[in-house]
C-alpha atoms as a PDB file:
ATOM      1  CA  MET A   1      -0.231  22.394   1.644  1.00  0.00           C
ATOM      2  CA  THR A   2      -0.441  18.617   1.217  1.00  0.00           C
ATOM      3  CA  ASP A   3      -1.700  16.347   3.996  1.00  0.00           C
ATOM      4  CA  ILE A   4       1.829  15.232   4.803  1.00  0.00           C
ATOM      5  CA  THR A   5       3.199  18.780   5.271  1.00  0.00           C
ATOM      6  CA  ARG A   6       0.295  19.634   7.573  1.00  0.00           C
ATOM      7  CA  LEU A   7       1.397  16.656   9.656  1.00  0.00           C
ATOM      8  CA  LYS A   8       4.989  17.846   9.815  1.00  0.00           C
ATOM      9  CA  PRO A   9       6.284  20.782   7.752  1.00  0.00           C
ATOM     10  CA  PRO A  10       9.770  20.740   6.244  1.00  0.00           C
ATOM     11  CA  VAL A  11      12.744  21.743   8.380  1.00  0.00           C
ATOM     12  CA  LEU A  12      15.819  22.971   6.560  1.00  0.00           C
ATOM     13  CA  PHE A  13      19.160  21.357   7.329  1.00  0.00           C
ATOM     14  CA  GLY A  14      20.995  23.305  10.013  1.00  0.00           C
ATOM     15  CA  PRO A  15      23.039  23.070  13.171  1.00  0.00           C
ATOM     16  CA  VAL A  16      21.602  21.758  16.446  1.00  0.00           C
ATOM     17  CA  ASP A  17      22.861  23.378  19.649  1.00  0.00           C
ATOM     18  CA  LEU A  18      23.404  20.545  22.139  1.00  0.00           C
ATOM     19  CA  GLU A  19      24.168  22.955  25.012  1.00  0.00           C
ATOM     20  CA  GLU A  20      21.271  25.448  24.985  1.00  0.00           C
ATOM     21  CA  GLY A  21      17.503  25.212  24.498  1.00  0.00           C
ATOM     22  CA  TRP A  22      16.714  22.167  26.651  1.00  0.00           C
ATOM     23  CA  GLU A  23      13.587  22.041  28.813  1.00  0.00           C
ATOM     24  CA  ALA A  24      12.274  19.616  31.401  1.00  0.00           C
ATOM     25  CA  VAL A  25      10.096  16.841  29.959  1.00  0.00           C
ATOM     26  CA  PRO A  26       6.559  17.485  31.275  1.00  0.00           C
ATOM     27  CA  GLY A  27       5.834  14.847  33.906  1.00  0.00           C
ATOM     28  CA  GLY A  28       9.336  13.423  33.518  1.00  0.00           C
ATOM     29  CA  ALA A  29      11.872  12.562  36.176  1.00  0.00           C
ATOM     30  CA  GLU A  30      14.279  15.206  37.418  1.00  0.00           C
ATOM     31  CA  GLY A  31      17.244  15.414  35.058  1.00  0.00           C
ATOM     32  CA  VAL A  32      15.325  14.295  31.936  1.00  0.00           C
ATOM     33  CA  GLU A  33      15.219  17.094  29.353  1.00  0.00           C
ATOM     34  CA  GLN A  34      13.939  17.524  25.817  1.00  0.00           C
ATOM     35  CA  LYS A  35      14.837  19.625  22.812  1.00  0.00           C
ATOM     36  CA  MET A  36      11.970  19.690  20.334  1.00  0.00           C
ATOM     37  CA  LEU A  37      13.079  19.417  16.709  1.00  0.00           C
ATOM     38  CA  SER A  38       9.775  19.261  14.808  1.00  0.00           C
ATOM     39  CA  GLY A  39       6.143  18.270  14.883  1.00  0.00           C
ATOM     40  CA  ALA A  40       3.643  17.846  17.666  1.00  0.00           C
ATOM     41  CA  LEU A  41       1.966  14.863  19.292  1.00  0.00           C
ATOM     42  CA  ASP A  42      -1.600  15.263  20.575  1.00  0.00           C
ATOM     43  CA  GLU A  43      -2.075  12.357  22.980  1.00  0.00           C
ATOM     44  CA  ARG A  44      -5.658  13.377  23.711  1.00  0.00           C
ATOM     45  CA  ALA A  45      -6.770  13.362  20.046  1.00  0.00           C
ATOM     46  CA  LYS A  46      -4.338  10.513  19.260  1.00  0.00           C
ATOM     47  CA  ILE A  47      -2.825  12.255  16.241  1.00  0.00           C
ATOM     48  CA  GLY A  48       0.514  13.680  15.212  1.00  0.00           C
ATOM     49  CA  VAL A  49       4.211  13.002  15.224  1.00  0.00           C
ATOM     50  CA  ARG A  50       7.047  14.641  17.096  1.00  0.00           C
ATOM     51  CA  THR A  51      10.788  14.445  16.753  1.00  0.00           C
ATOM     52  CA  ARG A  52      12.952  15.488  19.642  1.00  0.00           C
ATOM     53  CA  LEU A  53      16.204  14.946  21.457  1.00  0.00           C
ATOM     54  CA  ILE A  54      16.062  13.591  25.005  1.00  0.00           C
ATOM     55  CA  ARG A  55      18.921  14.194  27.419  1.00  0.00           C
ATOM     56  CA  PHE A  56      19.496  12.442  30.726  1.00  0.00           C
ATOM     57  CA  ARG A  57      21.789  14.494  32.939  1.00  0.00           C
ATOM     58  CA  PRO A  58      24.508  12.441  34.674  1.00  0.00           C
ATOM     59  CA  GLY A  59      23.055  10.498  37.588  1.00  0.00           C
ATOM     60  CA  THR A  60      19.454  10.665  36.336  1.00  0.00           C
ATOM     61  CA  ILE A  61      17.082   7.931  37.455  1.00  0.00           C
ATOM     62  CA  ALA A  62      13.605   7.610  35.931  1.00  0.00           C
ATOM     63  CA  SER A  63      12.172   4.934  38.190  1.00  0.00           C
ATOM     64  CA  ASN A  64       8.766   4.507  36.505  1.00  0.00           C
ATOM     65  CA  GLU A  65       7.815   2.005  33.838  1.00  0.00           C
ATOM     66  CA  PHE A  66       6.268   3.709  30.809  1.00  0.00           C
ATOM     67  CA  LEU A  67       3.394   2.545  28.627  1.00  0.00           C
ATOM     68  CA  HIS A  68       1.750   4.609  25.890  1.00  0.00           C
ATOM     69  CA  ASP A  69      -0.565   4.213  22.910  1.00  0.00           C
ATOM     70  CA  TYR A  70       1.727   5.634  20.191  1.00  0.00           C
ATOM     71  CA  TRP A  71       4.764   4.310  18.345  1.00  0.00           C
ATOM     72  CA  GLU A  72       8.172   5.339  19.640  1.00  0.00           C
ATOM     73  CA  GLU A  73      11.567   4.922  18.008  1.00  0.00           C
ATOM     74  CA  VAL A  74      14.706   5.803  19.949  1.00  0.00           C
ATOM     75  CA  TYR A  75      18.313   6.030  18.782  1.00  0.00           C
ATOM     76  CA  LEU A  76      20.927   6.417  21.530  1.00  0.00           C
ATOM     77  CA  ILE A  77      23.394   8.946  20.095  1.00  0.00           C
ATOM     78  CA  ASP A  78      25.767   9.462  22.983  1.00  0.00           C
ATOM     79  CA  GLY A  79      26.420   7.988  26.398  1.00  0.00           C
ATOM     80  CA  HIS A  80      25.153   5.077  28.440  1.00  0.00           C
ATOM     81  CA  LEU A  81      21.571   4.157  29.331  1.00  0.00           C
ATOM     82  CA  ASN A  82      20.439   1.443  31.701  1.00  0.00           C
ATOM     83  CA  ALA A  83      16.965   0.265  30.662  1.00  0.00           C
ATOM     84  CA  ALA A  84      15.198  -2.099  33.073  1.00  0.00           C
ATOM     85  CA  GLY A  85      18.545  -3.392  34.359  1.00  0.00           C
ATOM     86  CA  GLU A  86      20.184  -3.842  30.945  1.00  0.00           C
ATOM     87  CA  ASP A  87      23.075  -1.590  29.885  1.00  0.00           C
ATOM     88  CA  PHE A  88      23.230   0.059  26.467  1.00  0.00           C
ATOM     89  CA  HIS A  89      26.004   2.219  25.072  1.00  0.00           C
ATOM     90  CA  ALA A  90      25.748   4.454  22.008  1.00  0.00           C
ATOM     91  CA  PRO A  91      25.003   3.636  19.310  1.00  0.00           C
ATOM     92  CA  ALA A  92      21.835   1.678  20.155  1.00  0.00           C
ATOM     93  CA  TYR A  93      18.269   1.604  18.819  1.00  0.00           C
ATOM     94  CA  ALA A  94      14.805   0.597  20.045  1.00  0.00           C
ATOM     95  CA  CYS A  95      11.375   0.510  18.391  1.00  0.00           C
ATOM     96  CA  ARG A  96       8.365   0.358  20.714  1.00  0.00           C
ATOM     97  CA  PRO A  97       4.937  -0.339  19.233  1.00  0.00           C
ATOM     98  CA  PRO A  98       1.923   0.995  21.174  1.00  0.00           C
ATOM     99  CA  GLY A  99       1.471  -0.811  24.488  1.00  0.00           C
ATOM    100  CA  THR A 100       5.138  -1.825  24.877  1.00  0.00           C
ATOM    101  CA  PRO A 101       6.241  -1.409  28.510  1.00  0.00           C
ATOM    102  CA  HIS A 102       9.671   0.201  28.942  1.00  0.00           C
ATOM    103  CA  GLY A 103      11.726   1.491  31.852  1.00  0.00           C
ATOM    104  CA  PRO A 104      12.797   2.130  34.470  1.00  0.00           C
ATOM    105  CA  PHE A 105      15.827   4.019  33.180  1.00  0.00           C
ATOM    106  CA  ALA A 106      19.067   5.335  34.637  1.00  0.00           C
ATOM    107  CA  SER A 107      22.114   7.041  33.204  1.00  0.00           C
ATOM    108  CA  PRO A 108      25.078   7.322  35.586  1.00  0.00           C
ATOM    109  CA  GLY A 109      27.177   9.371  33.134  1.00  0.00           C
ATOM    110  CA  GLY A 110      24.355  10.959  31.121  1.00  0.00           C
ATOM    111  CA  CYS A 111      23.153  10.315  27.587  1.00  0.00           C
ATOM    112  CA  ILE A 112      21.403  11.858  24.591  1.00  0.00           C
ATOM    113  CA  PHE A 113      18.991  10.090  22.293  1.00  0.00           C
ATOM    114  CA  PHE A 114      16.981  10.961  19.194  1.00  0.00           C
ATOM    115  CA  GLU A 115      13.306  10.086  19.530  1.00  0.00           C
ATOM    116  CA  ILE A 116      10.368   9.936  17.122  1.00  0.00           C
ATOM    117  CA  GLN A 117       6.863   9.369  18.496  1.00  0.00           C
ATOM    118  CA  TYR A 118       3.807   8.989  16.263  1.00  0.00           C
ATOM    119  CA  TYR A 119       0.275   7.705  15.829  1.00  0.00           C
ATOM    120  CA  VAL A 120      -0.604   5.570  12.800  1.00  0.00           C
END
């Protein structure tokens, strides 16, 4: 296996079930769920990359501001997200270098976004 496939092995093209298989985001606000697609991020060792879907159930409020030491790219696929008082409707994109504050978040009608987090 090459270094790159140890980082994140290939995933064959296939369907993604947007109804089943969601789990609460550890430490996240109530109503914020994730569906892991590939990879793993080890925040303690500061290595890795993960790709996942994030879903805010309708009415979700994540009142904290977030700050982390890894890169994060987010693509709003569906719905409406209020980020720090500014409204965004799908499609929308954000790239957050390490140390970029973001949040709080709310989604009155719910939303789904595609997220990639990684260390460089």
